[in-house]
Protein backbone atom coordinates (compact mmCIF):
# COMPACT_ATOMS: atom_id res chain seq x y z
CA UNK A 1 93.79 -9.14 -85.53
CA UNK A 2 96.85 -7.84 -83.86
CA UNK A 3 100.29 -8.12 -85.50
CA UNK A 4 103.26 -7.39 -83.75
CA UNK A 5 106.50 -6.72 -86.04
CA UNK A 6 109.88 -6.99 -84.51
CA UNK A 7 112.25 -5.40 -87.03
CA UNK A 8 115.92 -6.46 -86.50
CA UNK A 9 117.77 -4.41 -89.11
CA UNK A 10 120.29 -2.15 -87.41
CA UNK A 11 119.47 0.14 -90.63
CA UNK A 12 116.04 1.59 -89.80
CA UNK A 13 115.70 2.72 -93.58
CA UNK A 14 117.27 -0.38 -95.00
CA UNK A 15 116.20 -3.16 -97.35
CA UNK A 16 114.17 -5.08 -94.66
CA UNK A 17 112.35 -1.86 -93.71
CA UNK A 18 111.54 -1.13 -97.14
CA UNK A 19 109.98 -4.67 -97.70
CA UNK A 20 107.88 -4.07 -94.63
CA UNK A 21 106.19 -0.90 -95.83
CA UNK A 22 103.63 -2.61 -98.18
CA UNK A 23 103.30 -5.36 -95.95
CA UNK A 24 102.27 -3.13 -92.93
CA UNK A 25 100.12 -1.16 -95.50
CA UNK A 26 98.22 -4.32 -96.30
CA UNK A 27 97.75 -5.31 -92.83
CA UNK A 28 96.16 -2.03 -91.98
CA UNK A 29 93.97 -2.02 -95.13
CA UNK A 30 92.31 -5.13 -93.70
CA UNK A 31 91.73 -3.41 -90.19
CA UNK A 32 94.80 -5.07 -88.47
CA UNK A 33 96.25 -3.63 -85.30
CA UNK A 34 99.94 -3.31 -86.00
CA UNK A 35 102.85 -2.59 -83.52
CA UNK A 36 106.18 -2.16 -85.32
CA UNK A 37 109.04 -2.36 -83.01
CA UNK A 38 112.80 -1.36 -84.20
CA UNK A 39 115.53 -3.45 -81.92
CA UNK A 40 118.64 -1.56 -83.00
CA UNK A 41 117.82 1.23 -80.64
CA UNK A 42 116.84 -0.86 -77.90
CA UNK A 43 118.95 -2.09 -74.79
CA UNK A 44 118.52 -5.85 -74.98
CA UNK A 45 121.04 -7.75 -73.09
CA UNK A 46 121.80 -11.64 -74.27
CA UNK A 47 120.27 -14.46 -72.22
CA UNK A 48 122.72 -15.53 -69.49
CA UNK A 49 121.22 -19.13 -69.01
CA UNK A 50 120.55 -18.60 -65.38
CA UNK A 51 116.94 -20.35 -65.69
CA UNK A 52 115.53 -18.09 -63.43
CA UNK A 53 112.42 -17.63 -66.07
CA UNK A 54 111.94 -21.35 -65.47
CA UNK A 55 111.06 -20.96 -61.85
CA UNK A 56 108.23 -18.19 -62.13
CA UNK A 57 104.83 -19.26 -62.86
CA UNK A 58 102.40 -17.54 -65.39
CA UNK A 59 104.91 -14.59 -65.85
CA UNK A 60 107.59 -13.99 -68.27
CA UNK A 61 110.31 -14.03 -65.13
CA UNK A 62 113.67 -12.80 -66.86
CA UNK A 63 115.83 -11.73 -63.89
CA UNK A 64 117.48 -8.94 -66.30
CA UNK A 65 115.83 -5.43 -66.41
CA UNK A 66 116.04 -3.68 -70.01
CA UNK A 67 114.03 -2.96 -72.75
CA UNK A 68 113.21 -6.97 -73.36
CA UNK A 69 110.32 -6.46 -70.56
CA UNK A 70 108.31 -3.87 -72.66
CA UNK A 71 108.95 -6.07 -75.65
CA UNK A 72 107.42 -8.87 -73.97
CA UNK A 73 104.21 -7.24 -73.21
CA UNK A 74 103.88 -6.39 -77.02
CA UNK A 75 104.65 -9.85 -78.02
CA UNK A 76 101.88 -11.22 -75.71
CA UNK A 77 99.41 -8.46 -76.85
CA UNK A 78 99.56 -9.83 -80.32
CA UNK A 79 97.85 -12.67 -82.09
CA UNK A 80 100.91 -13.04 -84.89
CA UNK A 81 104.43 -12.09 -84.12
CA UNK A 82 106.48 -11.45 -87.38
CA UNK A 83 110.21 -11.62 -87.16
CA UNK A 84 111.46 -9.05 -89.86
CA UNK A 85 115.46 -9.31 -90.31
CA UNK A 86 118.24 -9.36 -93.02
CA UNK A 87 120.24 -12.30 -92.78
CA UNK A 88 123.71 -12.22 -90.97
CA UNK A 89 125.74 -15.42 -91.45
CA UNK A 90 122.82 -17.42 -92.08
CA UNK A 91 121.13 -16.32 -88.89
CA UNK A 92 119.14 -13.58 -87.74
CA UNK A 93 120.85 -10.01 -86.68
CA UNK A 94 122.38 -10.02 -83.27
CA UNK A 95 119.57 -7.87 -81.73
CA UNK A 96 116.89 -10.13 -83.39
CA UNK A 97 118.83 -13.25 -82.05
CA UNK A 98 118.92 -11.64 -78.50
CA UNK A 99 115.23 -11.22 -78.47
CA UNK A 100 114.71 -14.83 -79.72
CA UNK A 101 116.82 -16.27 -77.22
CA UNK A 102 115.29 -14.21 -74.29
CA UNK A 103 111.79 -15.32 -75.28
CA UNK A 104 112.83 -18.73 -73.42
CA UNK A 105 110.66 -17.37 -70.52
CA UNK A 106 107.59 -17.92 -72.52
CA UNK A 107 108.05 -21.64 -72.52
CA UNK A 108 107.97 -23.14 -68.77
CA UNK A 109 109.09 -26.48 -69.94
CA UNK A 110 112.39 -26.81 -67.92
CA UNK A 111 111.86 -26.06 -64.31
CA UNK A 112 109.76 -27.77 -61.35
CA UNK A 113 106.52 -25.53 -61.99
CA UNK A 114 103.68 -27.01 -64.20
CA UNK A 115 104.47 -26.91 -68.06
CA UNK A 116 103.02 -24.03 -69.91
CA UNK A 117 103.44 -21.78 -72.72
CA UNK A 118 102.55 -18.10 -72.09
CA UNK A 119 101.81 -17.17 -75.70
CA UNK A 120 99.77 -20.33 -76.29
CA UNK A 121 97.61 -19.78 -79.41
CA UNK A 122 100.12 -17.25 -81.02
CA UNK A 123 101.22 -17.70 -84.49
CA UNK A 124 104.69 -16.73 -85.97
CA UNK A 125 105.79 -15.53 -89.36
CA UNK A 126 109.12 -14.32 -90.93
CA UNK A 127 110.23 -11.64 -92.96
CA UNK A 128 113.78 -11.81 -94.55
CA UNK A 129 116.40 -10.24 -96.76
CA UNK A 130 119.52 -11.94 -98.08
CA UNK A 131 122.05 -11.53 -100.61
CA UNK A 132 122.09 -15.37 -101.87
CA UNK A 133 119.39 -17.31 -103.39
CA UNK A 134 116.67 -17.64 -100.86
CA UNK A 135 116.76 -21.32 -99.76
CA UNK A 136 120.47 -20.97 -99.44
CA UNK A 137 120.25 -17.58 -97.68
CA UNK A 138 117.33 -17.66 -95.51
CA UNK A 139 116.61 -21.51 -95.28
CA UNK A 140 118.34 -22.15 -92.28
CA UNK A 141 116.55 -19.40 -90.12
CA UNK A 142 113.37 -20.36 -91.84
CA UNK A 143 113.64 -24.11 -90.78
CA UNK A 144 114.74 -22.80 -87.18
CA UNK A 145 111.66 -20.72 -86.60
CA UNK A 146 109.71 -23.74 -87.64
CA UNK A 147 111.33 -25.73 -85.29
CA UNK A 148 110.84 -23.47 -82.65
CA UNK A 149 107.07 -23.18 -83.38
CA UNK A 150 106.59 -27.16 -83.48
CA UNK A 151 108.64 -27.17 -79.97
CA UNK A 152 106.39 -24.57 -78.46
CA UNK A 153 103.09 -25.79 -79.68
CA UNK A 154 102.50 -22.53 -81.93
CA UNK A 155 101.48 -22.03 -85.51
CA UNK A 156 104.11 -21.20 -88.09
CA UNK A 157 102.61 -19.00 -90.94
CA UNK A 158 105.74 -19.32 -93.07
CA UNK A 159 108.24 -16.91 -94.56
CA UNK A 160 108.40 -14.27 -97.22
CA UNK A 161 112.15 -13.49 -98.30
CA UNK A 162 113.49 -11.20 -101.11
CA UNK A 163 117.16 -11.33 -102.38
CA UNK A 164 119.06 -8.28 -102.64
CA UNK A 165 120.15 -7.94 -106.32
CA UNK A 166 120.33 -4.12 -106.62
CA UNK A 167 120.33 -2.79 -103.24
CA UNK A 168 117.34 -0.85 -102.18
CA UNK A 169 115.72 -1.06 -105.71
CA UNK A 170 115.31 -4.81 -105.29
CA UNK A 171 112.72 -4.08 -102.66
CA UNK A 172 110.83 -1.35 -104.56
CA UNK A 173 110.00 -3.47 -107.44
CA UNK A 174 106.45 -4.39 -108.37
CA UNK A 175 107.17 -8.06 -107.78
CA UNK A 176 108.56 -7.49 -104.30
CA UNK A 177 105.87 -5.22 -103.17
CA UNK A 178 102.86 -7.44 -104.41
CA UNK A 179 104.63 -10.33 -102.74
CA UNK A 180 104.62 -8.35 -99.34
CA UNK A 181 101.02 -7.52 -99.73
CA UNK A 182 100.06 -11.12 -100.77
CA UNK A 183 102.29 -12.27 -97.58
CA UNK A 184 100.02 -10.30 -95.25
CA UNK A 185 96.88 -11.29 -96.71
CA UNK A 186 98.30 -14.86 -96.30
CA UNK A 187 99.18 -14.46 -92.59
CA UNK A 188 95.85 -12.75 -91.73
CA UNK A 189 93.74 -15.60 -93.37
CA UNK A 190 95.89 -18.37 -91.80
CA UNK A 191 96.01 -16.68 -88.57
CA UNK A 192 92.06 -16.73 -88.45
CA UNK A 193 92.16 -20.33 -89.64
CA UNK A 194 94.56 -21.34 -87.10
CA UNK A 195 93.26 -19.32 -83.97
CA UNK A 196 91.23 -21.36 -81.61
CA UNK A 197 87.59 -20.48 -81.34
CA UNK A 198 86.84 -17.98 -78.31
CA UNK A 199 83.69 -19.93 -77.47
CA UNK A 200 83.73 -23.66 -76.61
CA UNK A 201 81.11 -25.50 -78.24
CA UNK A 202 77.80 -25.51 -76.21
CA UNK A 203 78.33 -21.92 -75.00
CA UNK A 204 75.94 -19.13 -75.96
CA UNK A 205 76.76 -15.29 -75.68
CA UNK A 206 74.26 -12.63 -75.78
CA UNK A 207 73.17 -9.11 -74.71
CA UNK A 208 70.99 -9.11 -71.61
CA UNK A 209 67.74 -7.36 -71.39
CA UNK A 210 65.77 -6.46 -67.94
CA UNK A 211 63.66 -9.41 -68.73
CA UNK A 212 66.56 -11.96 -68.30
CA UNK A 213 67.33 -10.51 -64.84
CA UNK A 214 65.97 -12.54 -61.91
CA UNK A 215 67.40 -13.05 -58.48
CA UNK A 216 68.97 -16.41 -59.10
CA UNK A 217 70.68 -15.64 -62.35
CA UNK A 218 73.87 -15.99 -60.83
CA UNK A 219 73.15 -18.96 -58.81
CA UNK A 220 75.67 -21.15 -60.39
CA UNK A 221 78.48 -18.80 -60.97
CA UNK A 222 81.52 -19.70 -59.05
CA UNK A 223 83.80 -16.67 -58.19
CA UNK A 224 86.39 -18.77 -56.26
CA UNK A 225 89.86 -17.46 -56.72
CA UNK A 226 92.95 -18.62 -54.68
CA UNK A 227 95.17 -15.47 -54.39
CA UNK A 228 98.74 -15.60 -53.46
CA UNK A 229 100.35 -12.66 -54.67
CA UNK A 230 99.17 -9.17 -55.30
CA UNK A 231 100.42 -5.87 -56.60
CA UNK A 232 100.96 -2.88 -54.32
CA UNK A 233 102.37 0.48 -55.11
CA UNK A 234 105.78 1.17 -53.31
CA UNK A 235 107.91 4.12 -54.19
CA UNK A 236 105.93 4.80 -56.99
CA UNK A 237 106.41 1.42 -58.55
CA UNK A 238 104.01 -1.58 -58.70
CA UNK A 239 105.41 -4.56 -56.73
CA UNK A 240 104.37 -8.22 -56.42
CA UNK A 241 103.76 -8.95 -52.66
CA UNK A 242 103.12 -12.19 -50.89
CA UNK A 243 99.25 -11.50 -49.99
CA UNK A 244 97.14 -14.70 -49.69
CA UNK A 245 93.36 -14.72 -49.52
CA UNK A 246 90.30 -16.33 -51.18
CA UNK A 247 87.51 -14.72 -53.24
CA UNK A 248 84.19 -15.97 -52.86
CA UNK A 249 80.69 -14.55 -53.60
CA UNK A 250 77.82 -15.63 -51.47
CA UNK A 251 74.02 -15.58 -52.38
CA UNK A 252 73.75 -12.12 -51.09
CA UNK A 253 76.31 -10.76 -53.11
CA UNK A 254 75.31 -12.34 -56.50
CA UNK A 255 71.77 -11.18 -55.91
CA UNK A 256 73.06 -7.56 -55.30
CA UNK A 257 75.10 -7.82 -58.63
CA UNK A 258 72.17 -8.92 -60.58
CA UNK A 259 69.61 -6.53 -58.88
CA UNK A 260 71.86 -3.41 -58.75
CA UNK A 261 74.95 -3.54 -61.05
CA UNK A 262 73.23 -5.37 -63.87
CA UNK A 263 69.86 -3.48 -63.64
CA UNK A 264 71.19 0.06 -63.22
CA UNK A 265 73.64 -0.59 -66.38
CA UNK A 266 70.74 -1.77 -68.56
CA UNK A 267 68.44 0.85 -67.45
CA UNK A 268 70.74 3.68 -68.18
CA UNK A 269 71.53 2.48 -71.79
CA UNK A 270 74.48 0.33 -70.96
CA UNK A 271 75.47 -3.13 -71.82
CA UNK A 272 75.62 -6.47 -70.00
CA UNK A 273 76.86 -9.45 -71.85
CA UNK A 274 76.39 -13.08 -70.51
CA UNK A 275 77.74 -16.21 -71.59
CA UNK A 276 75.72 -19.58 -70.88
CA UNK A 277 76.51 -22.97 -70.76
CA UNK A 278 74.53 -25.94 -72.05
CA UNK A 279 72.42 -25.99 -68.87
CA UNK A 280 71.45 -22.26 -69.61
CA UNK A 281 73.54 -21.23 -66.48
CA UNK A 282 75.19 -18.11 -66.66
CA UNK A 283 79.09 -18.63 -66.35
CA UNK A 284 80.54 -15.55 -67.72
CA UNK A 285 79.57 -11.75 -67.85
CA UNK A 286 80.59 -8.01 -68.56
CA UNK A 287 79.15 -4.85 -67.74
CA UNK A 288 79.74 -1.75 -70.02
CA UNK A 289 77.99 1.46 -68.61
CA UNK A 290 77.40 4.14 -71.51
CA UNK A 291 78.30 7.28 -69.53
CA UNK A 292 81.50 8.92 -70.93
CA UNK A 293 83.84 10.56 -68.49
CA UNK A 294 87.37 12.22 -68.47
CA UNK A 295 88.73 15.48 -69.07
CA UNK A 296 87.66 14.83 -72.89
CA UNK A 297 84.85 12.47 -72.28
CA UNK A 298 87.53 9.85 -73.56
CA UNK A 299 86.72 6.97 -71.11
CA UNK A 300 83.85 4.40 -70.76
CA UNK A 301 84.32 2.31 -67.67
CA UNK A 302 84.54 -1.61 -67.88
CA UNK A 303 82.63 -2.03 -64.92
CA UNK A 304 82.83 -5.75 -64.46
CA UNK A 305 84.31 -8.86 -66.44
CA UNK A 306 84.23 -12.09 -64.45
CA UNK A 307 84.24 -16.01 -65.74
CA UNK A 308 83.23 -18.77 -63.43
CA UNK A 309 85.98 -20.70 -62.15
CA UNK A 310 85.62 -23.93 -63.92
CA UNK A 311 85.32 -22.39 -67.26
CA UNK A 312 88.47 -20.10 -67.00
CA UNK A 313 91.24 -20.54 -69.65
CA UNK A 314 88.87 -20.91 -72.47
CA UNK A 315 89.23 -17.46 -74.04
CA UNK A 316 85.75 -16.27 -72.74
CA UNK A 317 87.38 -13.37 -70.94
CA UNK A 318 89.22 -12.11 -74.04
CA UNK A 319 86.04 -12.43 -76.03
CA UNK A 320 84.15 -10.61 -73.77
CA UNK A 321 86.78 -7.90 -73.60
CA UNK A 322 86.64 -7.71 -77.35
CA UNK A 323 82.83 -7.10 -77.12
CA UNK A 324 83.54 -4.46 -74.89
CA UNK A 325 85.90 -2.92 -77.00
CA UNK A 326 83.76 -2.88 -79.89
CA UNK A 327 80.99 -1.50 -78.19
CA UNK A 328 82.92 1.39 -76.41
CA UNK A 329 84.19 2.58 -80.03
CA UNK A 330 80.68 2.46 -81.32
CA UNK A 331 79.64 4.85 -78.35
CA UNK A 332 82.49 7.19 -79.19
CA UNK A 333 84.97 6.46 -76.34
CA UNK A 334 88.74 6.55 -77.01
CA UNK A 335 89.73 4.39 -74.14
CA UNK A 336 88.08 1.93 -71.57
CA UNK A 337 88.86 2.60 -67.87
CA UNK A 338 89.10 -0.24 -65.61
CA UNK A 339 89.55 -0.67 -61.87
CA UNK A 340 91.39 -3.95 -61.78
CA UNK A 341 91.73 -6.57 -59.26
CA UNK A 342 95.44 -6.52 -57.94
CA UNK A 343 95.78 -10.23 -57.80
CA UNK A 344 98.85 -11.53 -59.97
CA UNK A 345 96.19 -13.67 -62.21
CA UNK A 346 94.15 -10.74 -62.89
CA UNK A 347 97.05 -8.29 -63.87
CA UNK A 348 98.45 -11.10 -66.00
CA UNK A 349 94.93 -11.16 -67.95
CA UNK A 350 94.81 -7.11 -68.25
CA UNK A 351 98.52 -6.79 -69.26
CA UNK A 352 98.48 -9.31 -71.74
CA UNK A 353 95.33 -8.12 -73.25
CA UNK A 354 97.27 -4.65 -73.79
CA UNK A 355 96.07 -2.54 -70.70
CA UNK A 356 98.21 -0.07 -69.17
CA UNK A 357 98.15 2.53 -66.21
CA UNK A 358 95.44 5.12 -66.53
CA UNK A 359 96.62 8.67 -67.70
CA UNK A 360 93.74 10.21 -65.47
CA UNK A 361 92.71 8.53 -62.37
CA UNK A 362 88.67 8.58 -61.40
CA UNK A 363 89.00 9.42 -57.85
CA UNK A 364 85.64 8.12 -57.23
CA UNK A 365 86.33 4.84 -58.51
CA UNK A 366 89.65 4.74 -56.84
CA UNK A 367 88.46 5.20 -53.37
CA UNK A 368 85.67 2.43 -53.94
CA UNK A 369 88.75 -0.24 -54.32
CA UNK A 370 91.73 1.53 -52.78
CA UNK A 371 93.87 -1.73 -53.80
CA UNK A 372 92.85 -1.95 -57.28
CA UNK A 373 95.08 -0.85 -60.08
CA UNK A 374 93.70 1.94 -62.06
CA UNK A 375 94.18 0.95 -65.94
CA UNK A 376 93.05 1.87 -69.47
CA UNK A 377 92.76 0.51 -72.70
CA UNK A 378 93.26 2.54 -75.66
CA UNK A 379 90.76 1.58 -78.43
């Protein structure tokens, strides 16, 4: 489970930060991945109400350039987003409120593009500190986040709040610490309960063996992808360009993938996962060779990960990616290396899941697909 905590207090060692310490400790004891982001030291401009984000399909789309872009990447990485803030005039702090307002671009509800929520399936939670009794002091913010989740179709996991009666000491009591730990357990349990199943009913996932491989294994796999925009490197930066084409695989390509890529991977002790539908047709797969490389043997290559066109947006790609990360850790890798397709849709998938530009470029892989973006995922 991935948890992103946004810390809205202007005091990095204040009451709210103190309350977060046992909360984070408990999350990590339960093997959660935690990102803790302080906001007071970030450049976050307020929303200007220009509606530009509502014109951009499948991407955040804010026209402003500041630290919010990086924060959005971490928000989209998470399964659970926690807002941690002291109460200022019955609301979140200015930095936190600016982030909340700028998250407007995650909901595509107010333009002419198809309605969507970029962080669909995510859950929100709230940690608050205040000087009044909790209902009076934090109740309005609690209700605001609850309504926000209802409006966005997200799950609200509740609020944990502690009143400041004796400055920092109020948040170091046994009661406050235990409450923070219990809230961490609560959001992890509820986050799992409310998280949609990765695999739709009727689908079966398993590792493939050589006995599973036959020339027609990908007969019903539909690679079709209508590409409209792609990333290209310009002046050292990645820029989206209007580049249109259609990706398709003919029978010969499908047979080559099975007879060469799958076969070579399995024979060299690598792993191929397949997802099958009710009719036992292969509709998604991932290939993970076992050969470590890099200056410190830190990388394993995620060679391929694909989902048939009619089965996309069901969580199958993320599920296969997570299988690869678990396997790579067991094999001693520190990072996955992925030569990623440059299309806007593919880049959205990889950046949302947490991939970044590779620190070391494998020149052999880069030459095979010169327009691919060489990325890595830290395990």
